[in-house]
Amino acid sequence: MRNYSGIFPPAVQASAQGQAVARRLAVLRKQPQVGHPLPLFSMPDTAGVAVSLARFRGQYVLLDFWGHWCGPCISSMPHLKQLQTQYAQRLAIVGIGMEAAQDKPLWLKAIRKHQLTWTQLSELKADKGVIEQLNVEQFPTYMLLDKEGNLLVMTSSIGPVEEKLKSLLARP
């Protein structure tokens, strides 16, 4: 991505709006790209224990960015359960909750209510932290990674993920 710092006068660059634009451009420069490795990160699970993305190397990984407040996220849970059953040991599903600290009880309740048995992580920083760094703005967002951590699919619909998994993991 092009460097835009020289286009705007110093006064604009120093303004609150100019700094916000600079931060947004920095995020966009680092946005995940299909075919490239996703940056490694660690995030607390439901018990507060840090879990690293590196822990899942060697298997396909589906990152599910969701929130307890997100209707489309909740309605996709049966599809994720089906993928978990269908691909068992060959696919790790990792839920990443876009939750604020005060919403932790609601997030945990949603995990229990919908019987989400796969790894669930959240920094409890709402839309900041890893969610912001990866430029996740739609919920749900799915990122399918290969065994080496390269991004294969990034989408807000489960269909493309299902199709890619079918082509990669179909039993002969």
N, C-alpha and C. Protein backbone atom coordinates (compact mmCIF):
# COMPACT_ATOMS: atom_id res chain seq x y z
N MET A 1 0.84 -1.17 0.00
CA MET A 1 0.00 0.00 0.00
C MET A 1 0.89 1.24 0.00
N ARG A 2 0.45 2.25 -0.67
CA ARG A 2 1.20 3.49 -0.84
C ARG A 2 1.31 4.26 0.48
N ASN A 3 2.41 4.98 0.67
CA ASN A 3 2.60 5.84 1.82
C ASN A 3 2.00 7.20 1.50
N TYR A 4 1.01 7.62 2.30
CA TYR A 4 0.30 8.87 2.04
C TYR A 4 0.77 10.02 2.92
N SER A 5 1.82 9.83 3.71
CA SER A 5 2.22 10.85 4.68
C SER A 5 2.61 12.17 4.01
N GLY A 6 3.17 12.14 2.82
CA GLY A 6 3.59 13.37 2.15
C GLY A 6 2.48 14.11 1.44
N ILE A 7 1.31 13.52 1.32
CA ILE A 7 0.21 14.13 0.59
C ILE A 7 -0.49 15.21 1.42
N PHE A 8 -0.59 14.97 2.72
CA PHE A 8 -1.31 15.91 3.57
C PHE A 8 -0.34 16.88 4.23
N PRO A 9 -0.75 18.14 4.38
CA PRO A 9 0.11 19.11 5.05
C PRO A 9 0.36 18.70 6.51
N PRO A 10 1.47 19.13 7.09
CA PRO A 10 1.79 18.75 8.47
C PRO A 10 0.67 19.07 9.47
N ALA A 11 -0.04 20.17 9.27
CA ALA A 11 -1.12 20.53 10.20
C ALA A 11 -2.23 19.48 10.17
N VAL A 12 -2.54 18.98 8.99
CA VAL A 12 -3.58 17.94 8.87
C VAL A 12 -3.06 16.64 9.49
N GLN A 13 -1.81 16.30 9.22
CA GLN A 13 -1.24 15.08 9.79
C GLN A 13 -1.23 15.12 11.31
N ALA A 14 -1.04 16.29 11.90
CA ALA A 14 -0.97 16.43 13.36
C ALA A 14 -2.35 16.48 14.01
N SER A 15 -3.38 16.73 13.23
CA SER A 15 -4.74 16.84 13.79
C SER A 15 -5.24 15.47 14.25
N ALA A 16 -6.26 15.48 15.08
CA ALA A 16 -6.85 14.22 15.56
C ALA A 16 -7.36 13.39 14.38
N GLN A 17 -7.99 14.05 13.41
CA GLN A 17 -8.49 13.33 12.23
C GLN A 17 -7.35 12.77 11.39
N GLY A 18 -6.30 13.56 11.25
CA GLY A 18 -5.14 13.09 10.48
C GLY A 18 -4.47 11.90 11.14
N GLN A 19 -4.37 11.93 12.46
CA GLN A 19 -3.79 10.80 13.18
C GLN A 19 -4.68 9.57 13.09
N ALA A 20 -6.00 9.78 13.12
CA ALA A 20 -6.93 8.65 12.97
C ALA A 20 -6.78 8.02 11.59
N VAL A 21 -6.64 8.85 10.57
CA VAL A 21 -6.45 8.33 9.21
C VAL A 21 -5.13 7.56 9.14
N ALA A 22 -4.08 8.09 9.75
CA ALA A 22 -2.78 7.41 9.74
C ALA A 22 -2.87 6.05 10.41
N ARG A 23 -3.58 5.98 11.56
CA ARG A 23 -3.75 4.68 12.25
C ARG A 23 -4.53 3.72 11.36
N ARG A 24 -5.57 4.21 10.71
CA ARG A 24 -6.39 3.34 9.85
C ARG A 24 -5.57 2.83 8.67
N LEU A 25 -4.77 3.69 8.08
CA LEU A 25 -3.92 3.27 6.96
C LEU A 25 -2.89 2.24 7.41
N ALA A 26 -2.37 2.39 8.63
CA ALA A 26 -1.41 1.41 9.15
C ALA A 26 -2.07 0.05 9.30
N VAL A 27 -3.32 0.03 9.76
CA VAL A 27 -4.06 -1.23 9.89
C VAL A 27 -4.28 -1.84 8.51
N LEU A 28 -4.69 -1.03 7.57
CA LEU A 28 -4.95 -1.54 6.21
C LEU A 28 -3.68 -2.10 5.57
N ARG A 29 -2.53 -1.49 5.85
CA ARG A 29 -1.27 -1.99 5.30
C ARG A 29 -0.97 -3.40 5.82
N LYS A 30 -1.41 -3.68 7.04
CA LYS A 30 -1.13 -4.97 7.67
C LYS A 30 -2.30 -5.94 7.55
N GLN A 31 -3.32 -5.57 6.80
CA GLN A 31 -4.50 -6.42 6.67
C GLN A 31 -4.12 -7.80 6.15
N PRO A 32 -4.72 -8.85 6.73
CA PRO A 32 -4.42 -10.20 6.26
C PRO A 32 -4.71 -10.36 4.76
N GLN A 33 -3.82 -11.06 4.09
CA GLN A 33 -3.96 -11.31 2.66
C GLN A 33 -3.98 -12.80 2.40
N VAL A 34 -4.90 -13.24 1.58
CA VAL A 34 -4.98 -14.65 1.20
C VAL A 34 -3.64 -15.06 0.60
N GLY A 35 -3.14 -16.22 1.05
CA GLY A 35 -1.86 -16.73 0.57
C GLY A 35 -0.68 -16.33 1.43
N HIS A 36 -0.89 -15.46 2.39
CA HIS A 36 0.18 -14.99 3.28
C HIS A 36 -0.08 -15.47 4.70
N PRO A 37 0.97 -15.57 5.50
CA PRO A 37 0.78 -15.99 6.89
C PRO A 37 -0.01 -14.96 7.70
N LEU A 38 -0.87 -15.46 8.54
CA LEU A 38 -1.55 -14.58 9.48
C LEU A 38 -0.58 -14.31 10.63
N PRO A 39 -0.48 -13.07 11.08
CA PRO A 39 0.44 -12.79 12.20
C PRO A 39 0.05 -13.62 13.42
N LEU A 40 1.04 -14.14 14.11
CA LEU A 40 0.78 -14.90 15.33
C LEU A 40 0.31 -13.96 16.43
N PHE A 41 -0.58 -14.46 17.27
CA PHE A 41 -1.04 -13.70 18.42
C PHE A 41 -1.40 -14.66 19.54
N SER A 42 -1.47 -14.13 20.73
CA SER A 42 -1.95 -14.87 21.90
C SER A 42 -3.12 -14.09 22.47
N MET A 43 -4.05 -14.84 23.06
CA MET A 43 -5.25 -14.22 23.59
C MET A 43 -5.78 -15.10 24.72
N PRO A 44 -6.37 -14.50 25.76
CA PRO A 44 -6.91 -15.31 26.86
C PRO A 44 -8.13 -16.14 26.44
N ASP A 45 -8.22 -17.34 27.01
CA ASP A 45 -9.40 -18.16 26.82
C ASP A 45 -10.44 -17.80 27.89
N THR A 46 -11.49 -18.60 28.01
CA THR A 46 -12.57 -18.30 28.95
C THR A 46 -12.11 -18.30 30.40
N ALA A 47 -11.01 -18.99 30.69
CA ALA A 47 -10.46 -19.04 32.05
C ALA A 47 -9.35 -18.01 32.26
N GLY A 48 -9.05 -17.22 31.23
CA GLY A 48 -8.00 -16.22 31.35
C GLY A 48 -6.61 -16.72 31.02
N VAL A 49 -6.50 -17.95 30.52
CA VAL A 49 -5.21 -18.54 30.18
C VAL A 49 -4.86 -18.16 28.74
N ALA A 50 -3.66 -17.63 28.55
CA ALA A 50 -3.22 -17.21 27.21
C ALA A 50 -3.08 -18.42 26.29
N VAL A 51 -3.65 -18.30 25.11
CA VAL A 51 -3.56 -19.33 24.08
C VAL A 51 -2.95 -18.68 22.84
N SER A 52 -1.89 -19.29 22.32
CA SER A 52 -1.21 -18.78 21.13
C SER A 52 -1.76 -19.45 19.88
N LEU A 53 -1.88 -18.67 18.83
CA LEU A 53 -2.28 -19.24 17.54
C LEU A 53 -1.28 -20.31 17.10
N ALA A 54 -0.02 -20.17 17.48
CA ALA A 54 1.01 -21.14 17.12
C ALA A 54 0.69 -22.54 17.65
N ARG A 55 -0.09 -22.63 18.69
CA ARG A 55 -0.49 -23.93 19.27
C ARG A 55 -1.21 -24.82 18.25
N PHE A 56 -1.82 -24.22 17.25
CA PHE A 56 -2.63 -24.97 16.29
C PHE A 56 -1.88 -25.29 15.00
N ARG A 57 -0.59 -24.95 14.93
CA ARG A 57 0.19 -25.27 13.73
C ARG A 57 0.15 -26.77 13.47
N GLY A 58 0.12 -27.14 12.21
CA GLY A 58 0.07 -28.56 11.85
C GLY A 58 -1.33 -29.04 11.56
N GLN A 59 -2.33 -28.18 11.77
CA GLN A 59 -3.70 -28.53 11.40
C GLN A 59 -4.37 -27.31 10.78
N TYR A 60 -5.42 -27.55 10.05
CA TYR A 60 -6.19 -26.45 9.51
C TYR A 60 -6.89 -25.77 10.68
N VAL A 61 -7.02 -24.44 10.59
CA VAL A 61 -7.62 -23.67 11.67
C VAL A 61 -8.69 -22.76 11.08
N LEU A 62 -9.85 -22.77 11.69
CA LEU A 62 -10.91 -21.84 11.33
C LEU A 62 -11.09 -20.87 12.48
N LEU A 63 -10.74 -19.61 12.24
CA LEU A 63 -10.98 -18.56 13.21
C LEU A 63 -12.37 -17.99 12.97
N ASP A 64 -13.18 -18.00 14.02
CA ASP A 64 -14.55 -17.50 13.95
C ASP A 64 -14.64 -16.26 14.83
N PHE A 65 -14.67 -15.09 14.22
CA PHE A 65 -14.80 -13.83 14.96
C PHE A 65 -16.29 -13.57 15.14
N TRP A 66 -16.72 -13.55 16.40
CA TRP A 66 -18.15 -13.46 16.68
C TRP A 66 -18.38 -12.65 17.95
N GLY A 67 -19.65 -12.41 18.26
CA GLY A 67 -20.03 -11.75 19.49
C GLY A 67 -21.34 -12.31 20.01
N HIS A 68 -21.52 -12.26 21.32
CA HIS A 68 -22.76 -12.79 21.91
C HIS A 68 -23.98 -12.00 21.43
N TRP A 69 -23.78 -10.79 20.99
CA TRP A 69 -24.81 -9.84 20.58
C TRP A 69 -25.14 -9.94 19.08
N CYS A 70 -24.43 -10.80 18.37
CA CYS A 70 -24.50 -10.86 16.90
C CYS A 70 -25.43 -11.98 16.43
N GLY A 71 -26.61 -11.62 15.94
CA GLY A 71 -27.58 -12.61 15.46
C GLY A 71 -27.02 -13.53 14.38
N PRO A 72 -26.41 -12.99 13.31
CA PRO A 72 -25.86 -13.87 12.28
C PRO A 72 -24.76 -14.80 12.82
N CYS A 73 -24.00 -14.33 13.80
CA CYS A 73 -22.96 -15.19 14.42
C CYS A 73 -23.61 -16.38 15.11
N ILE A 74 -24.63 -16.11 15.88
CA ILE A 74 -25.32 -17.15 16.64
C ILE A 74 -26.01 -18.12 15.68
N SER A 75 -26.62 -17.60 14.62
CA SER A 75 -27.31 -18.49 13.69
C SER A 75 -26.36 -19.38 12.90
N SER A 76 -25.08 -19.02 12.83
CA SER A 76 -24.10 -19.85 12.12
C SER A 76 -23.52 -20.95 13.00
N MET A 77 -23.78 -20.92 14.29
CA MET A 77 -23.19 -21.90 15.20
C MET A 77 -23.50 -23.36 14.82
N PRO A 78 -24.72 -23.69 14.40
CA PRO A 78 -24.97 -25.08 13.98
C PRO A 78 -24.07 -25.53 12.82
N HIS A 79 -23.76 -24.61 11.90
CA HIS A 79 -22.86 -24.94 10.79
C HIS A 79 -21.45 -25.22 11.30
N LEU A 80 -21.02 -24.42 12.28
CA LEU A 80 -19.69 -24.64 12.86
C LEU A 80 -19.64 -25.97 13.60
N LYS A 81 -20.71 -26.32 14.30
CA LYS A 81 -20.76 -27.62 14.99
C LYS A 81 -20.67 -28.76 13.98
N GLN A 82 -21.35 -28.58 12.85
CA GLN A 82 -21.31 -29.60 11.79
C GLN A 82 -19.88 -29.74 11.24
N LEU A 83 -19.20 -28.62 11.01
CA LEU A 83 -17.81 -28.67 10.52
C LEU A 83 -16.91 -29.35 11.54
N GLN A 84 -17.12 -29.05 12.81
CA GLN A 84 -16.32 -29.66 13.86
C GLN A 84 -16.49 -31.17 13.86
N THR A 85 -17.72 -31.63 13.70
CA THR A 85 -18.00 -33.06 13.67
C THR A 85 -17.44 -33.69 12.40
N GLN A 86 -17.67 -33.03 11.28
CA GLN A 86 -17.28 -33.58 9.99
C GLN A 86 -15.76 -33.72 9.83
N TYR A 87 -15.02 -32.74 10.33
CA TYR A 87 -13.58 -32.73 10.10
C TYR A 87 -12.76 -33.04 11.35
N ALA A 88 -13.43 -33.34 12.43
CA ALA A 88 -12.86 -33.81 13.70
C ALA A 88 -11.41 -33.39 13.94
N GLN A 89 -10.47 -34.32 13.82
CA GLN A 89 -9.07 -34.07 14.19
C GLN A 89 -8.28 -33.26 13.15
N ARG A 90 -8.89 -32.99 12.00
CA ARG A 90 -8.15 -32.30 10.95
C ARG A 90 -8.37 -30.79 10.93
N LEU A 91 -9.31 -30.31 11.75
CA LEU A 91 -9.65 -28.89 11.77
C LEU A 91 -9.83 -28.43 13.21
N ALA A 92 -9.14 -27.36 13.56
CA ALA A 92 -9.35 -26.72 14.86
C ALA A 92 -10.18 -25.47 14.63
N ILE A 93 -11.28 -25.36 15.33
CA ILE A 93 -12.09 -24.15 15.29
C ILE A 93 -11.74 -23.34 16.52
N VAL A 94 -11.51 -22.05 16.31
CA VAL A 94 -11.16 -21.16 17.41
C VAL A 94 -12.10 -19.95 17.34
N GLY A 95 -12.96 -19.82 18.33
CA GLY A 95 -13.85 -18.68 18.42
C GLY A 95 -13.12 -17.50 19.04
N ILE A 96 -13.28 -16.33 18.44
CA ILE A 96 -12.68 -15.11 18.98
C ILE A 96 -13.80 -14.12 19.21
N GLY A 97 -14.09 -13.89 20.49
CA GLY A 97 -15.21 -13.03 20.86
C GLY A 97 -14.84 -11.56 20.82
N MET A 98 -15.67 -10.79 20.12
CA MET A 98 -15.54 -9.33 20.10
C MET A 98 -16.39 -8.83 21.26
N GLU A 99 -15.79 -8.83 22.43
CA GLU A 99 -16.51 -8.55 23.67
C GLU A 99 -15.77 -7.50 24.48
N ALA A 100 -16.53 -6.68 25.18
CA ALA A 100 -15.97 -5.74 26.14
C ALA A 100 -15.86 -6.44 27.49
N ALA A 101 -15.01 -5.94 28.35
CA ALA A 101 -14.79 -6.57 29.66
C ALA A 101 -16.09 -6.74 30.43
N GLN A 102 -16.96 -5.74 30.39
CA GLN A 102 -18.21 -5.83 31.15
C GLN A 102 -19.18 -6.86 30.56
N ASP A 103 -18.92 -7.32 29.34
CA ASP A 103 -19.79 -8.31 28.70
C ASP A 103 -19.31 -9.74 28.85
N LYS A 104 -18.23 -9.95 29.61
CA LYS A 104 -17.70 -11.31 29.77
C LYS A 104 -18.77 -12.29 30.26
N PRO A 105 -19.61 -11.95 31.25
CA PRO A 105 -20.64 -12.90 31.67
C PRO A 105 -21.62 -13.27 30.54
N LEU A 106 -21.95 -12.31 29.70
CA LEU A 106 -22.86 -12.59 28.58
C LEU A 106 -22.18 -13.48 27.53
N TRP A 107 -20.90 -13.26 27.30
CA TRP A 107 -20.12 -14.07 26.36
C TRP A 107 -20.06 -15.51 26.87
N LEU A 108 -19.72 -15.69 28.15
CA LEU A 108 -19.65 -17.03 28.73
C LEU A 108 -21.01 -17.72 28.70
N LYS A 109 -22.06 -16.97 28.95
CA LYS A 109 -23.42 -17.52 28.92
C LYS A 109 -23.76 -18.01 27.50
N ALA A 110 -23.39 -17.22 26.50
CA ALA A 110 -23.65 -17.62 25.10
C ALA A 110 -22.88 -18.88 24.75
N ILE A 111 -21.65 -19.00 25.22
CA ILE A 111 -20.84 -20.20 24.95
C ILE A 111 -21.54 -21.43 25.55
N ARG A 112 -22.02 -21.29 26.78
CA ARG A 112 -22.72 -22.42 27.43
C ARG A 112 -24.05 -22.72 26.75
N LYS A 113 -24.82 -21.68 26.50
CA LYS A 113 -26.15 -21.85 25.91
C LYS A 113 -26.09 -22.56 24.56
N HIS A 114 -25.12 -22.19 23.75
CA HIS A 114 -25.01 -22.75 22.40
C HIS A 114 -24.07 -23.95 22.34
N GLN A 115 -23.57 -24.37 23.50
CA GLN A 115 -22.73 -25.56 23.63
C GLN A 115 -21.55 -25.54 22.66
N LEU A 116 -20.79 -24.45 22.75
CA LEU A 116 -19.63 -24.27 21.89
C LEU A 116 -18.44 -24.95 22.57
N THR A 117 -18.07 -26.09 22.06
CA THR A 117 -17.05 -26.92 22.72
C THR A 117 -15.63 -26.66 22.23
N TRP A 118 -15.49 -25.86 21.19
CA TRP A 118 -14.15 -25.56 20.69
C TRP A 118 -13.54 -24.40 21.48
N THR A 119 -12.27 -24.16 21.27
CA THR A 119 -11.53 -23.10 21.98
C THR A 119 -12.21 -21.75 21.76
N GLN A 120 -12.41 -21.02 22.85
CA GLN A 120 -13.00 -19.68 22.79
C GLN A 120 -12.03 -18.70 23.43
N LEU A 121 -11.74 -17.64 22.71
CA LEU A 121 -10.78 -16.62 23.15
C LEU A 121 -11.41 -15.24 23.08
N SER A 122 -10.96 -14.35 23.93
CA SER A 122 -11.33 -12.93 23.83
C SER A 122 -10.38 -12.11 24.67
N GLU A 123 -9.96 -10.99 24.10
CA GLU A 123 -9.15 -10.05 24.87
C GLU A 123 -10.02 -9.19 25.77
N LEU A 124 -11.34 -9.24 25.53
CA LEU A 124 -12.31 -8.42 26.26
C LEU A 124 -11.99 -6.92 26.10
N LYS A 125 -11.58 -6.57 24.87
CA LYS A 125 -11.24 -5.18 24.54
C LYS A 125 -12.16 -4.64 23.45
N ALA A 126 -13.35 -5.24 23.31
CA ALA A 126 -14.30 -4.85 22.27
C ALA A 126 -13.61 -4.95 20.90
N ASP A 127 -13.59 -3.84 20.15
CA ASP A 127 -13.04 -3.90 18.79
C ASP A 127 -11.57 -3.45 18.72
N LYS A 128 -10.87 -3.52 19.83
CA LYS A 128 -9.45 -3.14 19.85
C LYS A 128 -8.59 -4.41 19.88
N GLY A 129 -7.28 -4.24 19.96
CA GLY A 129 -6.38 -5.38 20.06
C GLY A 129 -6.29 -6.15 18.75
N VAL A 130 -6.29 -7.46 18.85
CA VAL A 130 -6.12 -8.33 17.67
C VAL A 130 -7.22 -8.09 16.64
N ILE A 131 -8.45 -7.89 17.11
CA ILE A 131 -9.55 -7.66 16.17
C ILE A 131 -9.28 -6.43 15.31
N GLU A 132 -8.78 -5.39 15.91
CA GLU A 132 -8.44 -4.18 15.16
C GLU A 132 -7.22 -4.43 14.28
N GLN A 133 -6.21 -5.11 14.82
CA GLN A 133 -4.98 -5.36 14.06
C GLN A 133 -5.25 -6.18 12.80
N LEU A 134 -6.22 -7.10 12.88
CA LEU A 134 -6.54 -7.95 11.73
C LEU A 134 -7.62 -7.32 10.85
N ASN A 135 -8.04 -6.10 11.21
CA ASN A 135 -9.02 -5.36 10.43
C ASN A 135 -10.36 -6.10 10.32
N VAL A 136 -10.77 -6.74 11.38
CA VAL A 136 -12.08 -7.42 11.40
C VAL A 136 -13.14 -6.38 11.72
N GLU A 137 -14.02 -6.16 10.76
CA GLU A 137 -15.06 -5.15 10.92
C GLU A 137 -16.46 -5.71 10.75
N GLN A 138 -16.57 -6.93 10.24
CA GLN A 138 -17.87 -7.57 10.07
C GLN A 138 -17.95 -8.77 10.99
N PHE A 139 -19.15 -9.02 11.45
CA PHE A 139 -19.35 -10.18 12.31
C PHE A 139 -20.55 -10.95 11.80
N PRO A 140 -20.38 -12.26 11.61
CA PRO A 140 -19.14 -12.99 11.82
C PRO A 140 -18.13 -12.73 10.71
N THR A 141 -16.87 -12.96 11.03
CA THR A 141 -15.80 -13.04 10.03
C THR A 141 -15.11 -14.38 10.27
N TYR A 142 -14.86 -15.08 9.17
CA TYR A 142 -14.17 -16.37 9.24
C TYR A 142 -12.85 -16.25 8.52
N MET A 143 -11.79 -16.78 9.14
CA MET A 143 -10.48 -16.88 8.50
C MET A 143 -10.05 -18.33 8.59
N LEU A 144 -9.90 -18.96 7.43
CA LEU A 144 -9.43 -20.33 7.37
C LEU A 144 -7.94 -20.31 7.07
N LEU A 145 -7.17 -20.99 7.93
CA LEU A 145 -5.72 -21.05 7.79
C LEU A 145 -5.29 -22.46 7.44
N ASP A 146 -4.22 -22.57 6.64
CA ASP A 146 -3.67 -23.89 6.34
C ASP A 146 -2.79 -24.35 7.50
N LYS A 147 -2.16 -25.49 7.35
CA LYS A 147 -1.38 -26.09 8.43
C LYS A 147 -0.16 -25.26 8.83
N GLU A 148 0.27 -24.37 7.94
CA GLU A 148 1.42 -23.51 8.23
C GLU A 148 1.00 -22.13 8.70
N GLY A 149 -0.29 -21.87 8.79
CA GLY A 149 -0.77 -20.57 9.26
C GLY A 149 -1.02 -19.55 8.17
N ASN A 150 -1.02 -20.00 6.91
CA ASN A 150 -1.31 -19.09 5.80
C ASN A 150 -2.82 -18.94 5.63
N LEU A 151 -3.24 -17.73 5.32
CA LEU A 151 -4.66 -17.45 5.13
C LEU A 151 -5.15 -18.04 3.81
N LEU A 152 -6.16 -18.90 3.90
CA LEU A 152 -6.76 -19.51 2.71
C LEU A 152 -8.03 -18.81 2.28
N VAL A 153 -8.86 -18.45 3.26
CA VAL A 153 -10.16 -17.82 3.00
C VAL A 153 -10.41 -16.80 4.11
N MET A 154 -10.92 -15.63 3.71
CA MET A 154 -11.41 -14.65 4.67
C MET A 154 -12.76 -14.16 4.16
N THR A 155 -13.82 -14.39 4.96
CA THR A 155 -15.17 -14.12 4.49
C THR A 155 -16.10 -13.88 5.67
N SER A 156 -17.25 -13.31 5.39
CA SER A 156 -18.27 -13.13 6.42
C SER A 156 -19.38 -14.16 6.27
N SER A 157 -19.21 -15.08 5.34
CA SER A 157 -20.19 -16.15 5.10
C SER A 157 -19.51 -17.50 5.26
N ILE A 158 -20.20 -18.44 5.88
CA ILE A 158 -19.61 -19.76 6.13
C ILE A 158 -19.49 -20.60 4.84
N GLY A 159 -20.28 -20.28 3.81
CA GLY A 159 -20.29 -21.06 2.57
C GLY A 159 -18.92 -21.23 1.93
N PRO A 160 -18.17 -20.15 1.70
CA PRO A 160 -16.84 -20.30 1.09
C PRO A 160 -15.89 -21.15 1.94
N VAL A 161 -16.03 -21.08 3.26
CA VAL A 161 -15.21 -21.90 4.15
C VAL A 161 -15.56 -23.37 3.95
N GLU A 162 -16.85 -23.68 3.92
CA GLU A 162 -17.30 -25.06 3.73
C GLU A 162 -16.79 -25.62 2.40
N GLU A 163 -16.86 -24.82 1.35
CA GLU A 163 -16.40 -25.27 0.03
C GLU A 163 -14.89 -25.53 0.03
N LYS A 164 -14.13 -24.64 0.64
CA LYS A 164 -12.68 -24.82 0.67
C LYS A 164 -12.32 -26.06 1.49
N LEU A 165 -12.97 -26.24 2.64
CA LEU A 165 -12.70 -27.43 3.45
C LEU A 165 -13.06 -28.70 2.70
N LYS A 166 -14.15 -28.67 1.98
CA LYS A 166 -14.57 -29.84 1.20
C LYS A 166 -13.50 -30.20 0.19
N SER A 167 -12.94 -29.18 -0.48
CA SER A 167 -11.92 -29.46 -1.50
C SER A 167 -10.59 -29.92 -0.86
N LEU A 168 -10.29 -29.41 0.32
CA LEU A 168 -9.03 -29.76 0.98
C LEU A 168 -9.07 -31.08 1.74
N LEU A 169 -10.19 -31.36 2.37
CA LEU A 169 -10.23 -32.43 3.35
C LEU A 169 -11.19 -33.55 2.99
N ALA A 170 -11.73 -33.54 1.79
CA ALA A 170 -12.64 -34.61 1.39
C ALA A 170 -11.88 -35.93 1.43
N ARG A 171 -12.50 -36.91 2.04
CA ARG A 171 -11.87 -38.24 2.10
C ARG A 171 -11.99 -38.92 0.75
N PRO A 172 -10.91 -39.59 0.29
CA PRO A 172 -10.96 -40.26 -1.01
C PRO A 172 -11.87 -41.47 -0.98
